[in-house]
Amino acid sequence: MSLRITFDVFSGRPNPSVTLTDAESADFLKRIGAVKTAASAAQESHTEPSTLGYRGLIVEQAGASAGGLPQRFRVSSSAVDGPAGALKSVAASVEQSILGNASILTRAGVSAELAAVMRTHAAAPKTATTAAPPATSGPLVCTCAPLYEPNWWNDGASGGAKQFTNNCYNYACNYRTDTFAQPGKASGQVWNHLVCADVGAAALRDALTATKVTTIKCPTEGHLVALCMWDTFDYHWYRMGREGLWSHKPGGMPVTNLDNSGQIIRDPRTANRGDYTTFCTFMIVRHGHIKLL
């Protein structure tokens, strides 16, 4: 039995992952323990909300499932969650046993600095999950902008063909590729450095359009998107919807119209963006003109 561990931390870049050895897998499963009763859809879910930053460990079992655990589950803080909801509570040391293992982190390509950030996030008190409210009337009516339709993207409970393989860039551009699209890849030249200028230039090569915005308004063609940066680590994109409000998709997590404080996003510049503290620029997506890969 071997386990594949994915560190669910990024929004734009693919998350780092590692396959544990048989001995490491056995130790980790022993720490979790067996699940006595399978979760049902009626059970309360403790799955992490769609926030920016470290969200827990995604664990995938190769071969037959062990300990009554599903093929794919999440370990975050003291909770173990499956597709149908909460499976059990565990000691916080279970998650930290991976986040503090230098050999596993090195094999996953996780730097010491990123590992320290993830350990800090994992140890921080968790706020209660708040369901995203329905889209409300915003300050504008942008007839060319996409509707806020999160359920079209949020299919994680049914396999995740869209949710798990499309990222913030896919969602912001309203362009499904199932490849975790990277700025510039369609042009043959992706970003080289995780800074605003480099990622922004890569998006321009995908045929997004630069724009200077002081007061947010509807473009005459297409829809408005915004780029921000977790400097040297990752990037994140938002998009403005038809009602003038903003929404986003943190990596493989569900689409949401809430920021990290659980507030409706009226302006990405002033939203709580977690570690993505650098606001870069607004751009315009002209429908039918861009190419993502």
Protein backbone atom coordinates (compact mmCIF):
# COMPACT_ATOMS: atom_id res chain seq x y z
CA MET A 1 0.00 0.00 0.00
CA SER A 2 1.38 3.39 -0.99
CA LEU A 3 -0.06 6.85 -0.48
CA ARG A 4 0.26 9.93 -2.65
CA ILE A 5 0.27 13.14 -0.63
CA THR A 6 -0.56 16.49 -2.25
CA PHE A 7 0.12 19.67 -0.32
CA ASP A 8 -2.96 21.76 -1.11
CA VAL A 9 -1.41 25.20 -0.93
CA PHE A 10 -1.33 26.89 -4.35
CA SER A 11 -4.02 28.47 -6.51
CA GLY A 12 -2.36 28.97 -9.89
CA ARG A 13 0.57 26.55 -9.88
CA PRO A 14 0.11 22.79 -9.58
CA ASN A 15 0.46 21.72 -5.96
CA PRO A 16 3.61 19.84 -4.86
CA SER A 17 3.07 16.12 -4.24
CA VAL A 18 5.00 13.03 -3.23
CA THR A 19 4.48 9.27 -3.12
CA LEU A 20 5.27 7.84 0.30
CA THR A 21 7.25 4.66 0.74
CA ASP A 22 5.39 1.60 1.98
CA ALA A 23 6.82 2.15 5.46
CA GLU A 24 5.87 5.86 5.48
CA SER A 25 2.39 5.00 4.20
CA ALA A 26 1.85 2.38 6.88
CA ASP A 27 2.99 4.79 9.59
CA PHE A 28 0.71 7.58 8.35
CA LEU A 29 -2.33 5.28 8.14
CA LYS A 30 -1.58 3.98 11.63
CA ARG A 31 -1.53 7.55 12.94
CA ILE A 32 -4.93 8.20 11.34
CA GLY A 33 -6.48 4.94 12.53
CA ALA A 34 -9.44 3.09 11.09
CA VAL A 35 -12.77 4.69 10.28
CA LYS A 36 -15.47 2.67 11.99
CA THR A 37 -18.47 4.11 10.17
CA ALA A 38 -18.43 5.41 6.62
CA ALA A 39 -19.50 9.03 6.16
CA SER A 40 -22.84 9.71 4.54
CA ALA A 41 -24.03 12.74 2.65
CA ALA A 42 -26.16 13.65 5.66
CA GLN A 43 -23.12 14.01 7.93
CA GLU A 44 -21.80 17.41 8.80
CA SER A 45 -18.87 18.31 6.58
CA HIS A 46 -15.72 19.83 8.04
CA THR A 47 -14.03 20.24 4.67
CA GLU A 48 -11.87 23.33 4.45
CA PRO A 49 -13.56 26.32 2.82
CA SER A 50 -12.35 27.72 -0.49
CA THR A 51 -9.71 30.05 0.86
CA LEU A 52 -6.33 31.19 -0.36
CA GLY A 53 -3.30 29.62 1.29
CA TYR A 54 -2.56 26.21 2.77
CA ARG A 55 -5.73 24.08 3.01
CA GLY A 56 -4.46 20.67 4.14
CA LEU A 57 -3.11 17.39 2.79
CA ILE A 58 -4.92 15.54 -0.01
CA VAL A 59 -4.27 11.83 0.42
CA GLU A 60 -4.83 9.30 -2.39
CA GLN A 61 -4.56 5.57 -1.85
CA ALA A 62 -3.08 3.36 -4.55
CA GLY A 63 -4.81 0.02 -4.86
CA ALA A 64 -7.28 -1.25 -2.28
CA SER A 65 -8.41 1.27 0.34
CA ALA A 66 -7.29 0.68 3.91
CA GLY A 67 -8.83 1.36 7.28
CA GLY A 68 -12.30 2.13 5.92
CA LEU A 69 -10.92 5.31 4.38
CA PRO A 70 -12.03 6.39 0.88
CA GLN A 71 -9.66 6.33 -2.09
CA ARG A 72 -9.20 10.09 -1.74
CA PHE A 73 -9.49 12.07 1.49
CA ARG A 74 -8.19 15.24 3.14
CA VAL A 75 -6.31 15.68 6.41
CA SER A 76 -6.47 19.22 7.76
CA SER A 77 -5.65 20.20 11.32
CA SER A 78 -7.55 17.65 13.44
CA ALA A 79 -10.10 16.62 10.81
CA VAL A 80 -10.16 13.80 8.26
CA ASP A 81 -12.72 14.46 5.50
CA GLY A 82 -13.94 12.37 2.58
CA PRO A 83 -16.14 13.29 -0.40
CA ALA A 84 -19.31 12.80 1.65
CA GLY A 85 -18.21 14.70 4.73
CA ALA A 86 -16.31 14.35 7.98
CA LEU A 87 -14.85 10.91 8.66
CA LYS A 88 -13.18 11.33 12.04
CA SER A 89 -11.12 13.60 14.27
CA VAL A 90 -7.42 12.99 14.79
CA ALA A 91 -4.58 14.62 16.68
CA ALA A 92 -3.05 17.66 14.98
CA SER A 93 0.27 15.79 15.09
CA VAL A 94 -0.97 13.55 12.23
CA GLU A 95 -0.80 16.41 9.73
CA GLN A 96 2.37 17.78 11.31
CA SER A 97 4.07 14.39 10.91
CA ILE A 98 4.12 15.06 7.17
CA LEU A 99 4.71 18.81 7.32
CA GLY A 100 7.68 18.30 9.62
CA ASN A 101 9.30 15.39 7.75
CA ALA A 102 12.35 16.78 5.96
CA SER A 103 12.77 13.73 3.70
CA ILE A 104 9.18 13.83 2.47
CA LEU A 105 9.27 17.60 1.94
CA THR A 106 12.51 17.41 -0.03
CA ARG A 107 11.15 14.68 -2.31
CA ALA A 108 8.04 16.79 -2.90
CA GLY A 109 10.16 19.79 -3.86
CA VAL A 110 8.83 21.84 -0.92
CA SER A 111 11.27 24.49 0.25
CA ALA A 112 12.00 25.04 3.94
CA GLU A 113 10.34 28.46 3.71
CA LEU A 114 7.12 27.09 2.20
CA ALA A 115 7.07 24.23 4.71
CA ALA A 116 7.29 26.74 7.56
CA VAL A 117 4.35 28.69 6.13
CA MET A 118 2.24 25.51 5.83
CA ARG A 119 3.05 24.45 9.40
CA THR A 120 2.01 27.89 10.66
CA HIS A 121 -1.26 27.77 8.72
CA ALA A 122 -1.97 24.22 9.94
CA ALA A 123 -1.48 25.24 13.58
CA ALA A 124 -3.65 28.37 13.33
CA PRO A 125 -7.19 28.25 14.75
CA LYS A 126 -9.77 27.43 12.07
CA THR A 127 -12.76 29.68 11.58
CA ALA A 128 -16.20 28.20 11.03
CA THR A 129 -17.08 27.39 7.44
CA THR A 130 -19.62 29.79 5.99
CA ALA A 131 -21.63 28.79 2.93
CA ALA A 132 -21.34 31.28 0.09
CA PRO A 133 -24.50 33.36 -0.16
CA PRO A 134 -26.25 33.65 -3.50
CA ALA A 135 -24.98 36.32 -5.84
CA THR A 136 -26.53 39.66 -4.95
CA SER A 137 -26.98 42.87 -6.85
CA GLY A 138 -23.66 44.56 -7.35
CA PRO A 139 -22.60 48.06 -8.32
CA LEU A 140 -22.65 47.41 -12.09
CA VAL A 141 -24.42 45.44 -14.79
CA CYS A 142 -21.78 44.17 -17.21
CA THR A 143 -23.71 42.42 -19.96
CA CYS A 144 -20.58 40.91 -21.52
CA ALA A 145 -19.32 39.38 -18.28
CA PRO A 146 -19.97 35.73 -17.31
CA LEU A 147 -22.69 34.80 -14.85
CA TYR A 148 -21.75 33.60 -11.39
CA GLU A 149 -22.50 29.88 -11.77
CA PRO A 150 -20.32 28.07 -9.22
CA ASN A 151 -22.09 24.72 -9.51
CA TRP A 152 -20.89 24.35 -13.10
CA TRP A 153 -17.30 24.21 -11.81
CA ASN A 154 -17.86 22.68 -8.36
CA ASP A 155 -18.14 18.97 -9.18
CA GLY A 156 -15.62 17.70 -6.61
CA ALA A 157 -18.13 15.45 -4.85
CA SER A 158 -18.87 13.67 -8.13
CA GLY A 159 -15.31 13.07 -9.27
CA GLY A 160 -14.01 16.55 -9.91
CA ALA A 161 -13.44 16.49 -13.70
CA LYS A 162 -13.78 20.28 -13.72
CA GLN A 163 -13.04 21.29 -10.15
CA PHE A 164 -9.76 19.46 -9.60
CA THR A 165 -8.19 20.06 -13.03
CA ASN A 166 -8.98 23.74 -13.56
CA ASN A 167 -7.42 26.55 -11.53
CA CYS A 168 -7.91 30.24 -10.82
CA TYR A 169 -6.64 31.20 -14.28
CA ASN A 170 -9.11 28.86 -16.02
CA TYR A 171 -11.96 30.25 -13.96
CA ALA A 172 -11.00 33.91 -14.32
CA CYS A 173 -10.85 33.53 -18.10
CA ASN A 174 -14.00 31.34 -18.13
CA TYR A 175 -12.02 28.83 -20.17
CA ARG A 176 -12.00 25.15 -19.25
CA THR A 177 -8.89 23.21 -20.29
CA ASP A 178 -8.70 20.47 -17.60
CA THR A 179 -4.93 21.13 -17.51
CA PHE A 180 -4.53 23.63 -14.64
CA ALA A 181 -3.75 26.24 -17.31
CA GLN A 182 -0.56 28.27 -16.92
CA PRO A 183 -0.17 31.84 -18.21
CA GLY A 184 1.81 31.84 -21.44
CA LYS A 185 1.82 28.08 -22.00
CA ALA A 186 -0.37 28.31 -25.11
CA SER A 187 2.14 30.69 -26.67
CA GLY A 188 5.03 28.36 -25.88
CA GLN A 189 6.56 30.60 -23.22
CA VAL A 190 5.25 30.38 -19.66
CA TRP A 191 6.22 32.69 -16.82
CA ASN A 192 9.78 32.30 -15.51
CA HIS A 193 9.54 34.15 -12.20
CA LEU A 194 6.62 34.51 -9.83
CA VAL A 195 6.44 38.29 -9.96
CA CYS A 196 3.71 40.54 -11.35
CA ALA A 197 5.60 41.63 -14.46
CA ASP A 198 6.50 38.11 -15.58
CA VAL A 199 3.13 36.44 -14.96
CA GLY A 200 1.32 39.46 -16.42
CA ALA A 201 3.46 39.36 -19.58
CA ALA A 202 2.71 35.64 -19.95
CA ALA A 203 -1.04 36.37 -19.78
CA LEU A 204 -0.63 39.03 -22.48
CA ARG A 205 0.92 36.34 -24.69
CA ASP A 206 -2.32 34.36 -24.19
CA ALA A 207 -4.06 37.42 -25.71
CA LEU A 208 -5.47 38.92 -22.52
CA THR A 209 -5.54 42.71 -22.83
CA ALA A 210 -3.83 45.20 -20.55
CA THR A 211 -5.94 47.94 -19.05
CA LYS A 212 -5.40 50.75 -16.58
CA VAL A 213 -8.23 50.83 -14.07
CA THR A 214 -8.64 53.28 -11.20
CA THR A 215 -12.40 53.10 -10.84
CA ILE A 216 -13.78 49.67 -11.73
CA LYS A 217 -16.12 49.76 -14.72
CA CYS A 218 -17.45 47.36 -17.35
CA PRO A 219 -15.21 46.89 -20.39
CA THR A 220 -16.84 47.64 -23.72
CA GLU A 221 -15.94 44.10 -24.78
CA GLY A 222 -15.23 41.00 -22.70
CA HIS A 223 -14.87 40.96 -18.92
CA LEU A 224 -12.49 42.25 -16.29
CA VAL A 225 -10.02 40.02 -14.40
CA ALA A 226 -7.44 40.80 -11.73
CA LEU A 227 -4.01 39.33 -10.99
CA CYS A 228 -2.38 39.24 -7.57
CA MET A 229 0.74 37.54 -6.24
CA TRP A 230 2.02 35.56 -3.29
CA ASP A 231 5.51 36.79 -4.03
CA THR A 232 7.99 34.09 -5.15
CA PHE A 233 5.45 31.32 -4.43
CA ASP A 234 2.28 31.60 -6.53
CA TYR A 235 -0.22 33.79 -8.39
CA HIS A 236 -4.00 34.13 -8.19
CA TRP A 237 -6.70 35.52 -10.50
CA TYR A 238 -10.20 36.93 -9.86
CA ARG A 239 -12.95 37.73 -12.33
CA MET A 240 -15.79 40.27 -12.27
CA GLY A 241 -19.22 38.84 -12.99
CA ARG A 242 -22.24 40.20 -14.76
CA GLU A 243 -23.62 41.74 -11.56
CA GLY A 244 -20.40 43.69 -10.91
CA LEU A 245 -19.19 41.49 -8.04
CA TRP A 246 -16.05 39.35 -8.02
CA SER A 247 -15.46 35.63 -7.59
CA HIS A 248 -12.52 33.25 -7.80
CA LYS A 249 -11.41 29.62 -7.65
CA PRO A 250 -8.55 28.80 -5.26
CA GLY A 251 -6.71 26.07 -7.14
CA GLY A 252 -8.65 22.81 -7.24
CA MET A 253 -11.11 24.03 -4.61
CA PRO A 254 -14.69 25.13 -5.33
CA VAL A 255 -15.54 28.48 -6.89
CA THR A 256 -16.59 31.09 -4.33
CA ASN A 257 -17.60 34.75 -4.19
CA LEU A 258 -16.11 35.17 -0.70
CA ASP A 259 -12.67 36.35 0.36
CA ASN A 260 -10.56 34.90 3.19
CA SER A 261 -12.68 36.77 5.73
CA GLY A 262 -15.90 35.30 4.36
CA GLN A 263 -16.95 38.60 2.81
CA ILE A 264 -18.51 39.22 -0.61
CA ILE A 265 -15.79 40.51 -2.97
CA ARG A 266 -16.66 43.96 -4.26
CA ASP A 267 -13.10 44.94 -5.17
CA PRO A 268 -10.19 42.45 -5.25
CA ARG A 269 -7.80 45.24 -4.27
CA THR A 270 -9.40 45.54 -0.84
CA ALA A 271 -10.43 41.89 -0.33
CA ASN A 272 -8.70 39.65 2.22
CA ARG A 273 -6.39 37.69 -0.08
CA GLY A 274 -4.44 35.80 2.58
CA ASP A 275 -0.79 35.43 1.56
CA TYR A 276 -1.46 36.89 -1.91
CA THR A 277 -0.77 40.38 -0.63
CA THR A 278 0.63 41.95 -3.81
CA PHE A 279 -2.03 43.32 -6.13
CA CYS A 280 -0.63 43.40 -9.67
CA THR A 281 -3.08 44.64 -12.29
CA PHE A 282 -6.45 44.39 -13.99
CA MET A 283 -6.76 42.85 -17.46
CA ILE A 284 -9.56 42.22 -19.95
CA VAL A 285 -10.54 38.83 -21.34
CA ARG A 286 -12.03 39.21 -24.82
CA HIS A 287 -14.21 36.18 -25.44
CA GLY A 288 -13.15 34.05 -28.36
CA HIS A 289 -9.77 35.81 -28.67
CA ILE A 290 -7.71 34.12 -25.95
CA LYS A 291 -6.00 30.73 -25.90
CA LEU A 292 -5.16 28.83 -22.70
CA LEU A 293 -3.27 25.59 -22.22
